[in-house]
Amino acid sequence: MIKFSTKDDLLKTIELEQKSINLHISSQISLSNELVSSINSITENNFNDFTKYIINIKNNIGLFNTLNEKLDILKEENNDDKIKYIINDYNQIYVSSINNIFSSNLEIQRFIDNLPTNNENINVENKINNITYLENTLLISEVAKVVILPYTLKALNEKLSTSSEYKNINEIINEEYTIPLVYYKHTAICRFKEAMKLALTKDKTSYFKALSLAIECLTNYNLHPAIITACNSLDDLDIYLSCLEDNQLDDFKIFNIKYEMLPKVVKVKDNIITQNT
């Protein structure tokens, strides 16, 4: 809460208020990280709650960012009438929201505390012995049960010539570019995780922007999460999402995408036959 006062006193109040707002933002980020770290315990039964709570956190961070922006405007304003208007607007938003945010925080924390412990181990030993080299291609293979991320033979040979860890480029591909397909089993959750990782680790964007993107990807059921993993920047992902939305995936040229699907099983009366996809 802020009260109208002299400019000097007001600036001191704003400085204290912004420190408080930034603590609120840090608290929301910490709660979000705790929720995301429990993501392997999310199932179909609690997925909707997870989605609701992560959206709540994103909205809360957005609200605190809005309050911070109003404080920044207030610092530069010299007209008393405008100052009073901004203070009143700020106080109304703060008072109408803060109790709901605290209640939401408690609800989210209870949700996290009640999540079951998940001891599921992902098999990370999936390797391919006979690799067919496909440069600049994301391979999603149900047959080999792996995802192989895009690479170039030039980059692999350069790494081979400068590293003593590997005997051949097959080892590099298996170790650094191959991911077990089971890693992407929970596709919605993986879309969320991979989008957060892309935004925060590769693109170094703000937490709020990363969270907004991850929520957008969470429910994009036409987006395979491995495609997010293969992107090197948010620009890459934006281009793919644009092509996906326009149903013009042939226009996506940053890397190729190849699927190796298992044959479909079609039941005909009492007999089961297979059809190649």
C-alpha atoms as a PDB file:
ATOM      1  CA  MET A   1       0.000   0.000   0.000  1.00  0.00           C
ATOM      2  CA  ILE A   2       1.200   3.498  -0.838  1.00  0.00           C
ATOM      3  CA  LYS A   3       0.073   6.832   0.615  1.00  0.00           C
ATOM      4  CA  PHE A   4       0.340  10.214  -1.067  1.00  0.00           C
ATOM      5  CA  SER A   5       3.227  12.269   0.355  1.00  0.00           C
ATOM      6  CA  THR A   6       6.059  14.590  -0.623  1.00  0.00           C
ATOM      7  CA  LYS A   7       8.127  13.504  -3.625  1.00  0.00           C
ATOM      8  CA  ASP A   8      11.162  12.544  -1.547  1.00  0.00           C
ATOM      9  CA  ASP A   9       9.112  10.477   0.883  1.00  0.00           C
ATOM     10  CA  LEU A  10       7.195   8.955  -1.989  1.00  0.00           C
ATOM     11  CA  LEU A  11      10.406   7.842  -3.716  1.00  0.00           C
ATOM     12  CA  LYS A  12      11.564   6.138  -0.518  1.00  0.00           C
ATOM     13  CA  THR A  13       8.203   4.410  -0.204  1.00  0.00           C
ATOM     14  CA  ILE A  14       8.353   3.283  -3.840  1.00  0.00           C
ATOM     15  CA  GLU A  15      11.837   1.846  -3.334  1.00  0.00           C
ATOM     16  CA  LEU A  16      10.627  -0.204  -0.351  1.00  0.00           C
ATOM     17  CA  GLU A  17       7.501  -1.249  -2.220  1.00  0.00           C
ATOM     18  CA  GLN A  18       9.506  -2.451  -5.217  1.00  0.00           C
ATOM     19  CA  LYS A  19      11.742  -4.510  -2.969  1.00  0.00           C
ATOM     20  CA  SER A  20       8.606  -6.117  -1.565  1.00  0.00           C
ATOM     21  CA  ILE A  21       7.185  -6.750  -5.064  1.00  0.00           C
ATOM     22  CA  ASN A  22      10.470  -8.319  -6.205  1.00  0.00           C
ATOM     23  CA  LEU A  23      10.373 -10.618  -3.171  1.00  0.00           C
ATOM     24  CA  HIS A  24       6.863 -11.646  -4.187  1.00  0.00           C
ATOM     25  CA  ILE A  25       8.119 -12.411  -7.714  1.00  0.00           C
ATOM     26  CA  SER A  26      11.038 -14.434  -6.330  1.00  0.00           C
ATOM     27  CA  SER A  27       8.587 -16.355  -4.145  1.00  0.00           C
ATOM     28  CA  GLN A  28       6.425 -17.177  -7.181  1.00  0.00           C
ATOM     29  CA  ILE A  29       9.471 -18.329  -9.167  1.00  0.00           C
ATOM     30  CA  SER A  30      10.586 -20.493  -6.254  1.00  0.00           C
ATOM     31  CA  LEU A  31       7.106 -22.034  -6.013  1.00  0.00           C
ATOM     32  CA  SER A  32       7.096 -22.604  -9.773  1.00  0.00           C
ATOM     33  CA  ASN A  33      10.494 -24.310  -9.631  1.00  0.00           C
ATOM     34  CA  GLU A  34       9.262 -26.547  -6.815  1.00  0.00           C
ATOM     35  CA  LEU A  35       6.197 -27.458  -8.856  1.00  0.00           C
ATOM     36  CA  VAL A  36       8.263 -28.125 -11.990  1.00  0.00           C
ATOM     37  CA  SER A  37      10.777 -30.228 -10.042  1.00  0.00           C
ATOM     38  CA  SER A  38       7.874 -32.489  -9.043  1.00  0.00           C
ATOM     39  CA  ILE A  39       6.788 -32.861 -12.643  1.00  0.00           C
ATOM     40  CA  ASN A  40       7.674 -36.577 -12.900  1.00  0.00           C
ATOM     41  CA  SER A  41       4.927 -37.261 -10.365  1.00  0.00           C
ATOM     42  CA  ILE A  42       2.280 -35.684 -12.582  1.00  0.00           C
ATOM     43  CA  THR A  43      -0.229 -38.206 -13.948  1.00  0.00           C
ATOM     44  CA  GLU A  44      -3.487 -38.031 -15.887  1.00  0.00           C
ATOM     45  CA  ASN A  45      -5.291 -37.749 -12.548  1.00  0.00           C
ATOM     46  CA  ASN A  46      -3.517 -34.581 -11.432  1.00  0.00           C
ATOM     47  CA  PHE A  47      -2.466 -33.121 -14.806  1.00  0.00           C
ATOM     48  CA  ASN A  48      -5.353 -30.627 -14.897  1.00  0.00           C
ATOM     49  CA  ASP A  49      -4.467 -29.374 -11.419  1.00  0.00           C
ATOM     50  CA  PHE A  50      -0.823 -29.001 -12.427  1.00  0.00           C
ATOM     51  CA  THR A  51      -1.865 -26.981 -15.478  1.00  0.00           C
ATOM     52  CA  LYS A  52      -4.173 -24.785 -13.405  1.00  0.00           C
ATOM     53  CA  TYR A  53      -1.517 -24.063 -10.795  1.00  0.00           C
ATOM     54  CA  ILE A  54       1.261 -23.316 -13.252  1.00  0.00           C
ATOM     55  CA  ILE A  55      -1.069 -20.858 -15.032  1.00  0.00           C
ATOM     56  CA  ASN A  56      -1.908 -19.284 -11.655  1.00  0.00           C
ATOM     57  CA  ILE A  57       1.785 -18.729 -10.966  1.00  0.00           C
ATOM     58  CA  LYS A  58       2.339 -17.224 -14.410  1.00  0.00           C
ATOM     59  CA  ASN A  59      -0.608 -14.849 -13.894  1.00  0.00           C
ATOM     60  CA  ASN A  60       0.681 -13.873 -10.454  1.00  0.00           C
ATOM     61  CA  ILE A  61       4.121 -13.033 -11.817  1.00  0.00           C
ATOM     62  CA  GLY A  62       2.454 -11.024 -14.573  1.00  0.00           C
ATOM     63  CA  LEU A  63       0.418  -9.083 -12.010  1.00  0.00           C
ATOM     64  CA  PHE A  64       3.486  -8.280  -9.901  1.00  0.00           C
ATOM     65  CA  ASN A  65       5.313  -7.164 -13.053  1.00  0.00           C
ATOM     66  CA  THR A  66       2.379  -4.835 -13.792  1.00  0.00           C
ATOM     67  CA  LEU A  67       2.589  -3.397 -10.269  1.00  0.00           C
ATOM     68  CA  ASN A  68       6.327  -2.851 -10.719  1.00  0.00           C
ATOM     69  CA  GLU A  69       5.672  -1.001 -13.977  1.00  0.00           C
ATOM     70  CA  LYS A  70       3.185   1.275 -12.228  1.00  0.00           C
ATOM     71  CA  LEU A  71       5.785   2.041  -9.574  1.00  0.00           C
ATOM     72  CA  ASP A  72       8.322   2.901 -12.275  1.00  0.00           C
ATOM     73  CA  ILE A  73       5.811   5.316 -13.829  1.00  0.00           C
ATOM     74  CA  LEU A  74       5.063   6.765 -10.415  1.00  0.00           C
ATOM     75  CA  LYS A  75       8.749   7.535  -9.833  1.00  0.00           C
ATOM     76  CA  GLU A  76       8.857   9.725 -12.952  1.00  0.00           C
ATOM     77  CA  GLU A  77       5.501  11.484 -12.470  1.00  0.00           C
ATOM     78  CA  ASN A  78       5.412  15.030 -11.060  1.00  0.00           C
ATOM     79  CA  ASN A  79       1.772  15.980 -11.503  1.00  0.00           C
ATOM     80  CA  ASP A  80      -0.047  15.597  -8.164  1.00  0.00           C
ATOM     81  CA  ASP A  81      -3.372  14.578  -9.707  1.00  0.00           C
ATOM     82  CA  LYS A  82      -1.728  11.897 -11.834  1.00  0.00           C
ATOM     83  CA  ILE A  83       0.313  10.719  -8.858  1.00  0.00           C
ATOM     84  CA  LYS A  84      -2.868  10.322  -6.784  1.00  0.00           C
ATOM     85  CA  TYR A  85      -4.554   8.432  -9.633  1.00  0.00           C
ATOM     86  CA  ILE A  86      -1.613   6.016 -10.047  1.00  0.00           C
ATOM     87  CA  ILE A  87      -1.387   5.443  -6.274  1.00  0.00           C
ATOM     88  CA  ASN A  88      -5.106   4.707  -6.071  1.00  0.00           C
ATOM     89  CA  ASP A  89      -4.921   2.354  -9.070  1.00  0.00           C
ATOM     90  CA  TYR A  90      -1.886   0.566  -7.603  1.00  0.00           C
ATOM     91  CA  ASN A  91      -3.489   0.143  -4.183  1.00  0.00           C
ATOM     92  CA  GLN A  92      -6.748  -1.183  -5.628  1.00  0.00           C
ATOM     93  CA  ILE A  93      -4.957  -3.825  -7.711  1.00  0.00           C
ATOM     94  CA  TYR A  94      -2.717  -4.831  -4.812  1.00  0.00           C
ATOM     95  CA  VAL A  95      -5.495  -5.102  -2.212  1.00  0.00           C
ATOM     96  CA  SER A  96      -7.880  -6.965  -4.528  1.00  0.00           C
ATOM     97  CA  SER A  97      -5.226  -9.516  -5.504  1.00  0.00           C
ATOM     98  CA  ILE A  98      -2.821 -10.183  -2.663  1.00  0.00           C
ATOM     99  CA  ASN A  99      -5.121 -12.319  -0.472  1.00  0.00           C
ATOM    100  CA  ASN A 100      -6.088 -14.509  -3.427  1.00  0.00           C
ATOM    101  CA  ILE A 101      -2.415 -14.942  -4.302  1.00  0.00           C
ATOM    102  CA  PHE A 102      -1.536 -16.020  -0.762  1.00  0.00           C
ATOM    103  CA  SER A 103      -4.448 -18.484  -0.748  1.00  0.00           C
ATOM    104  CA  SER A 104      -3.348 -19.824  -4.132  1.00  0.00           C
ATOM    105  CA  ASN A 105       0.221 -20.249  -2.859  1.00  0.00           C
ATOM    106  CA  LEU A 106      -0.986 -22.364   0.062  1.00  0.00           C
ATOM    107  CA  GLU A 107      -3.155 -24.471  -2.253  1.00  0.00           C
ATOM    108  CA  ILE A 108      -0.249 -25.055  -4.653  1.00  0.00           C
ATOM    109  CA  GLN A 109       2.097 -25.976  -1.795  1.00  0.00           C
ATOM    110  CA  ARG A 110      -0.423 -28.510  -0.481  1.00  0.00           C
ATOM    111  CA  PHE A 111      -0.702 -29.948  -3.978  1.00  0.00           C
ATOM    112  CA  ILE A 112       3.092 -30.336  -4.196  1.00  0.00           C
ATOM    113  CA  ASP A 113       3.336 -31.855  -0.718  1.00  0.00           C
ATOM    114  CA  ASN A 114       0.645 -34.431  -1.554  1.00  0.00           C
ATOM    115  CA  LEU A 115       2.183 -35.578  -4.825  1.00  0.00           C
ATOM    116  CA  PRO A 116       3.273 -39.225  -4.721  1.00  0.00           C
ATOM    117  CA  THR A 117       6.953 -40.029  -4.830  1.00  0.00           C
ATOM    118  CA  ASN A 118       7.853 -41.129  -8.333  1.00  0.00           C
ATOM    119  CA  ASN A 119      10.730 -43.575  -8.565  1.00  0.00           C
ATOM    120  CA  GLU A 120      10.326 -44.205 -12.285  1.00  0.00           C
ATOM    121  CA  ASN A 121      13.719 -44.676 -13.884  1.00  0.00           C
ATOM    122  CA  ILE A 122      14.123 -43.765 -17.523  1.00  0.00           C
ATOM    123  CA  ASN A 123      16.353 -46.110 -19.463  1.00  0.00           C
ATOM    124  CA  VAL A 124      19.103 -43.873 -20.776  1.00  0.00           C
ATOM    125  CA  GLU A 125      21.104 -46.701 -22.306  1.00  0.00           C
ATOM    126  CA  ASN A 126      19.299 -46.812 -25.647  1.00  0.00           C
ATOM    127  CA  LYS A 127      22.023 -46.852 -28.283  1.00  0.00           C
ATOM    128  CA  ILE A 128      22.077 -47.517 -31.998  1.00  0.00           C
ATOM    129  CA  ASN A 129      24.804 -49.792 -33.310  1.00  0.00           C
ATOM    130  CA  ASN A 130      24.192 -49.387 -37.025  1.00  0.00           C
ATOM    131  CA  ILE A 131      23.663 -45.691 -37.605  1.00  0.00           C
ATOM    132  CA  THR A 132      22.491 -44.386 -40.942  1.00  0.00           C
ATOM    133  CA  TYR A 133      23.894 -40.879 -41.106  1.00  0.00           C
ATOM    134  CA  LEU A 134      21.208 -38.268 -41.627  1.00  0.00           C
ATOM    135  CA  GLU A 135      22.689 -34.801 -41.402  1.00  0.00           C
ATOM    136  CA  ASN A 136      20.655 -31.919 -40.022  1.00  0.00           C
ATOM    137  CA  THR A 137      17.767 -34.305 -39.295  1.00  0.00           C
ATOM    138  CA  LEU A 138      15.685 -34.889 -36.208  1.00  0.00           C
ATOM    139  CA  LEU A 139      14.932 -38.621 -36.182  1.00  0.00           C
ATOM    140  CA  ILE A 140      12.001 -39.772 -34.044  1.00  0.00           C
ATOM    141  CA  SER A 141      12.069 -43.555 -34.211  1.00  0.00           C
ATOM    142  CA  GLU A 142       9.491 -45.839 -32.639  1.00  0.00           C
ATOM    143  CA  VAL A 143      11.354 -48.725 -34.300  1.00  0.00           C
ATOM    144  CA  ALA A 144      14.688 -48.074 -32.560  1.00  0.00           C
ATOM    145  CA  LYS A 145      12.960 -46.435 -29.569  1.00  0.00           C
ATOM    146  CA  VAL A 146      15.213 -43.382 -29.732  1.00  0.00           C
ATOM    147  CA  VAL A 147      15.282 -39.755 -30.768  1.00  0.00           C
ATOM    148  CA  ILE A 148      18.407 -38.565 -32.556  1.00  0.00           C
ATOM    149  CA  LEU A 149      18.906 -34.811 -32.571  1.00  0.00           C
ATOM    150  CA  PRO A 150      20.171 -32.922 -35.648  1.00  0.00           C
ATOM    151  CA  TYR A 151      23.935 -32.890 -36.284  1.00  0.00           C
ATOM    152  CA  THR A 152      26.384 -32.277 -39.108  1.00  0.00           C
ATOM    153  CA  LEU A 153      29.204 -34.647 -39.995  1.00  0.00           C
ATOM    154  CA  LYS A 154      31.560 -31.662 -40.116  1.00  0.00           C
ATOM    155  CA  ALA A 155      30.812 -30.814 -36.490  1.00  0.00           C
ATOM    156  CA  LEU A 156      31.163 -34.471 -35.465  1.00  0.00           C
ATOM    157  CA  ASN A 157      34.519 -34.862 -37.215  1.00  0.00           C
ATOM    158  CA  GLU A 158      35.788 -31.655 -35.642  1.00  0.00           C
ATOM    159  CA  LYS A 159      34.811 -32.929 -32.205  1.00  0.00           C
ATOM    160  CA  LEU A 160      36.404 -36.306 -32.929  1.00  0.00           C
ATOM    161  CA  SER A 161      39.680 -34.640 -33.905  1.00  0.00           C
ATOM    162  CA  THR A 162      39.807 -32.518 -30.737  1.00  0.00           C
ATOM    163  CA  SER A 163      38.447 -34.982 -28.163  1.00  0.00           C
ATOM    164  CA  SER A 164      40.051 -38.057 -26.626  1.00  0.00           C
ATOM    165  CA  GLU A 165      36.724 -39.299 -25.240  1.00  0.00           C
ATOM    166  CA  TYR A 166      35.449 -40.858 -28.455  1.00  0.00           C
ATOM    167  CA  LYS A 167      36.816 -43.461 -30.851  1.00  0.00           C
ATOM    168  CA  ASN A 168      34.413 -42.694 -33.704  1.00  0.00           C
ATOM    169  CA  ILE A 169      31.502 -40.435 -34.619  1.00  0.00           C
ATOM    170  CA  ASN A 170      28.983 -43.184 -33.789  1.00  0.00           C
ATOM    171  CA  GLU A 171      29.990 -42.845 -30.153  1.00  0.00           C
ATOM    172  CA  ILE A 172      29.448 -39.072 -30.311  1.00  0.00           C
ATOM    173  CA  ILE A 173      25.993 -39.497 -31.817  1.00  0.00           C
ATOM    174  CA  ASN A 174      25.017 -42.100 -29.229  1.00  0.00           C
ATOM    175  CA  GLU A 175      26.356 -40.097 -26.311  1.00  0.00           C
ATOM    176  CA  GLU A 176      25.457 -36.504 -27.209  1.00  0.00           C
ATOM    177  CA  TYR A 177      22.638 -36.666 -29.752  1.00  0.00           C
ATOM    178  CA  THR A 178      20.613 -39.758 -28.803  1.00  0.00           C
ATOM    179  CA  ILE A 179      17.725 -39.651 -26.321  1.00  0.00           C
ATOM    180  CA  PRO A 180      15.578 -42.676 -25.347  1.00  0.00           C
ATOM    181  CA  LEU A 181      12.078 -42.286 -26.760  1.00  0.00           C
ATOM    182  CA  VAL A 182      10.664 -43.185 -23.335  1.00  0.00           C
ATOM    183  CA  TYR A 183      11.942 -39.795 -22.119  1.00  0.00           C
ATOM    184  CA  TYR A 184       9.081 -38.246 -24.106  1.00  0.00           C
ATOM    185  CA  LYS A 185       6.433 -40.684 -22.848  1.00  0.00           C
ATOM    186  CA  HIS A 186       4.423 -37.984 -21.065  1.00  0.00           C
ATOM    187  CA  THR A 187       4.272 -35.669 -24.059  1.00  0.00           C
ATOM    188  CA  ALA A 188       2.454 -32.701 -22.506  1.00  0.00           C
ATOM    189  CA  ILE A 189       4.780 -32.597 -19.509  1.00  0.00           C
ATOM    190  CA  CYS A 190       7.808 -32.968 -21.798  1.00  0.00           C
ATOM    191  CA  ARG A 191       6.616 -30.087 -23.972  1.00  0.00           C
ATOM    192  CA  PHE A 192       6.472 -27.945 -20.863  1.00  0.00           C
ATOM    193  CA  LYS A 193       9.912 -29.023 -19.589  1.00  0.00           C
ATOM    194  CA  GLU A 194      11.656 -28.711 -22.950  1.00  0.00           C
ATOM    195  CA  ALA A 195      10.143 -25.269 -23.601  1.00  0.00           C
ATOM    196  CA  MET A 196      11.320 -24.025 -20.204  1.00  0.00           C
ATOM    197  CA  LYS A 197      14.786 -25.436 -20.878  1.00  0.00           C
ATOM    198  CA  LEU A 198      14.952 -23.877 -24.347  1.00  0.00           C
ATOM    199  CA  ALA A 199      13.864 -20.451 -23.117  1.00  0.00           C
ATOM    200  CA  LEU A 200      15.966 -20.313 -19.954  1.00  0.00           C
ATOM    201  CA  THR A 201      19.094 -22.272 -20.909  1.00  0.00           C
ATOM    202  CA  LYS A 202      19.545 -21.723 -24.626  1.00  0.00           C
ATOM    203  CA  ASP A 203      17.841 -18.359 -25.114  1.00  0.00           C
ATOM    204  CA  LYS A 204      18.460 -16.836 -21.658  1.00  0.00           C
ATOM    205  CA  THR A 205      15.042 -15.182 -21.654  1.00  0.00           C
ATOM    206  CA  SER A 206      13.081 -13.963 -18.628  1.00  0.00           C
ATOM    207  CA  TYR A 207      11.384 -16.472 -16.358  1.00  0.00           C
ATOM    208  CA  PHE A 208       7.973 -14.961 -17.114  1.00  0.00           C
ATOM    209  CA  LYS A 209       8.496 -15.317 -20.873  1.00  0.00           C
ATOM    210  CA  ALA A 210       9.771 -18.882 -20.415  1.00  0.00           C
ATOM    211  CA  LEU A 211       6.743 -19.781 -18.315  1.00  0.00           C
ATOM    212  CA  SER A 212       4.366 -18.218 -20.855  1.00  0.00           C
ATOM    213  CA  LEU A 213       5.959 -20.201 -23.691  1.00  0.00           C
ATOM    214  CA  ALA A 214       5.950 -23.456 -21.704  1.00  0.00           C
ATOM    215  CA  ILE A 215       2.250 -23.088 -20.916  1.00  0.00           C
ATOM    216  CA  GLU A 216       1.534 -22.409 -24.596  1.00  0.00           C
ATOM    217  CA  CYS A 217       3.434 -25.575 -25.583  1.00  0.00           C
ATOM    218  CA  LEU A 218       1.879 -27.644 -22.797  1.00  0.00           C
ATOM    219  CA  THR A 219      -1.460 -27.955 -24.581  1.00  0.00           C
ATOM    220  CA  ASN A 220      -0.211 -27.875 -28.176  1.00  0.00           C
ATOM    221  CA  TYR A 221      -1.047 -31.502 -28.897  1.00  0.00           C
ATOM    222  CA  ASN A 222       0.284 -31.373 -32.464  1.00  0.00           C
ATOM    223  CA  LEU A 223       3.776 -30.475 -31.253  1.00  0.00           C
ATOM    224  CA  HIS A 224       6.136 -33.374 -30.546  1.00  0.00           C
ATOM    225  CA  PRO A 225       8.354 -32.368 -27.578  1.00  0.00           C
ATOM    226  CA  ALA A 226      11.499 -33.664 -29.323  1.00  0.00           C
ATOM    227  CA  ILE A 227      11.111 -30.839 -31.831  1.00  0.00           C
ATOM    228  CA  ILE A 228      11.506 -28.345 -28.981  1.00  0.00           C
ATOM    229  CA  THR A 229      14.640 -30.206 -27.833  1.00  0.00           C
ATOM    230  CA  ALA A 230      16.073 -29.983 -31.354  1.00  0.00           C
ATOM    231  CA  CYS A 231      15.587 -26.216 -31.594  1.00  0.00           C
ATOM    232  CA  ASN A 232      18.611 -24.053 -30.794  1.00  0.00           C
ATOM    233  CA  SER A 233      16.659 -20.871 -30.103  1.00  0.00           C
ATOM    234  CA  LEU A 234      13.186 -19.481 -29.551  1.00  0.00           C
ATOM    235  CA  ASP A 235      13.315 -18.150 -33.117  1.00  0.00           C
ATOM    236  CA  ASP A 236      13.682 -21.727 -34.400  1.00  0.00           C
ATOM    237  CA  LEU A 237      10.645 -22.810 -32.378  1.00  0.00           C
ATOM    238  CA  ASP A 238       8.616 -19.754 -33.414  1.00  0.00           C
ATOM    239  CA  ILE A 239       9.236 -20.560 -37.077  1.00  0.00           C
ATOM    240  CA  TYR A 240       8.199 -24.188 -36.587  1.00  0.00           C
ATOM    241  CA  LEU A 241       5.052 -23.223 -34.660  1.00  0.00           C
ATOM    242  CA  SER A 242       4.126 -20.764 -37.394  1.00  0.00           C
ATOM    243  CA  CYS A 243       4.542 -23.470 -40.068  1.00  0.00           C
ATOM    244  CA  LEU A 244       2.562 -25.897 -37.904  1.00  0.00           C
ATOM    245  CA  GLU A 245      -0.272 -23.429 -37.427  1.00  0.00           C
ATOM    246  CA  ASP A 246      -0.425 -22.727 -41.177  1.00  0.00           C
ATOM    247  CA  ASN A 247      -0.184 -26.451 -41.983  1.00  0.00           C
ATOM    248  CA  GLN A 248       2.894 -25.686 -44.109  1.00  0.00           C
ATOM    249  CA  LEU A 249       5.553 -27.849 -42.464  1.00  0.00           C
ATOM    250  CA  ASP A 250       7.412 -28.179 -45.776  1.00  0.00           C
ATOM    251  CA  ASP A 251       8.352 -24.521 -45.303  1.00  0.00           C
ATOM    252  CA  PHE A 252      10.324 -25.374 -42.154  1.00  0.00           C
ATOM    253  CA  LYS A 253      13.955 -25.534 -43.332  1.00  0.00           C
ATOM    254  CA  ILE A 254      16.014 -25.218 -40.134  1.00  0.00           C
ATOM    255  CA  PHE A 255      16.306 -28.996 -39.816  1.00  0.00           C
ATOM    256  CA  ASN A 256      14.588 -32.006 -41.344  1.00  0.00           C
ATOM    257  CA  ILE A 257      12.186 -34.137 -39.327  1.00  0.00           C
ATOM    258  CA  LYS A 258      11.887 -37.856 -39.977  1.00  0.00           C
ATOM    259  CA  TYR A 259       9.522 -40.249 -38.218  1.00  0.00           C
ATOM    260  CA  GLU A 260      10.037 -44.016 -38.120  1.00  0.00           C
ATOM    261  CA  MET A 261       6.718 -45.438 -37.027  1.00  0.00           C
ATOM    262  CA  LEU A 262       5.812 -48.946 -35.970  1.00  0.00           C
ATOM    263  CA  PRO A 263       3.293 -50.710 -38.235  1.00  0.00           C
ATOM    264  CA  LYS A 264      -0.316 -50.081 -37.318  1.00  0.00           C
ATOM    265  CA  VAL A 265      -2.212 -53.069 -36.006  1.00  0.00           C
ATOM    266  CA  VAL A 266      -5.705 -53.395 -37.435  1.00  0.00           C
ATOM    267  CA  LYS A 267      -8.145 -55.943 -36.048  1.00  0.00           C
ATOM    268  CA  VAL A 268     -10.333 -57.646 -38.656  1.00  0.00           C
ATOM    269  CA  LYS A 269     -12.942 -59.929 -37.095  1.00  0.00           C
ATOM    270  CA  ASP A 270     -11.001 -62.530 -35.118  1.00  0.00           C
ATOM    271  CA  ASN A 271      -7.766 -62.102 -37.009  1.00  0.00           C
ATOM    272  CA  ILE A 272      -5.100 -59.499 -36.462  1.00  0.00           C
ATOM    273  CA  ILE A 273      -3.209 -58.191 -39.456  1.00  0.00           C
ATOM    274  CA  THR A 274      -0.517 -55.545 -39.743  1.00  0.00           C
ATOM    275  CA  GLN A 275      -0.331 -52.665 -42.130  1.00  0.00           C
ATOM    276  CA  ASN A 276       2.840 -50.732 -42.831  1.00  0.00           C
ATOM    277  CA  THR A 277       2.501 -47.014 -42.249  1.00  0.00           C
END
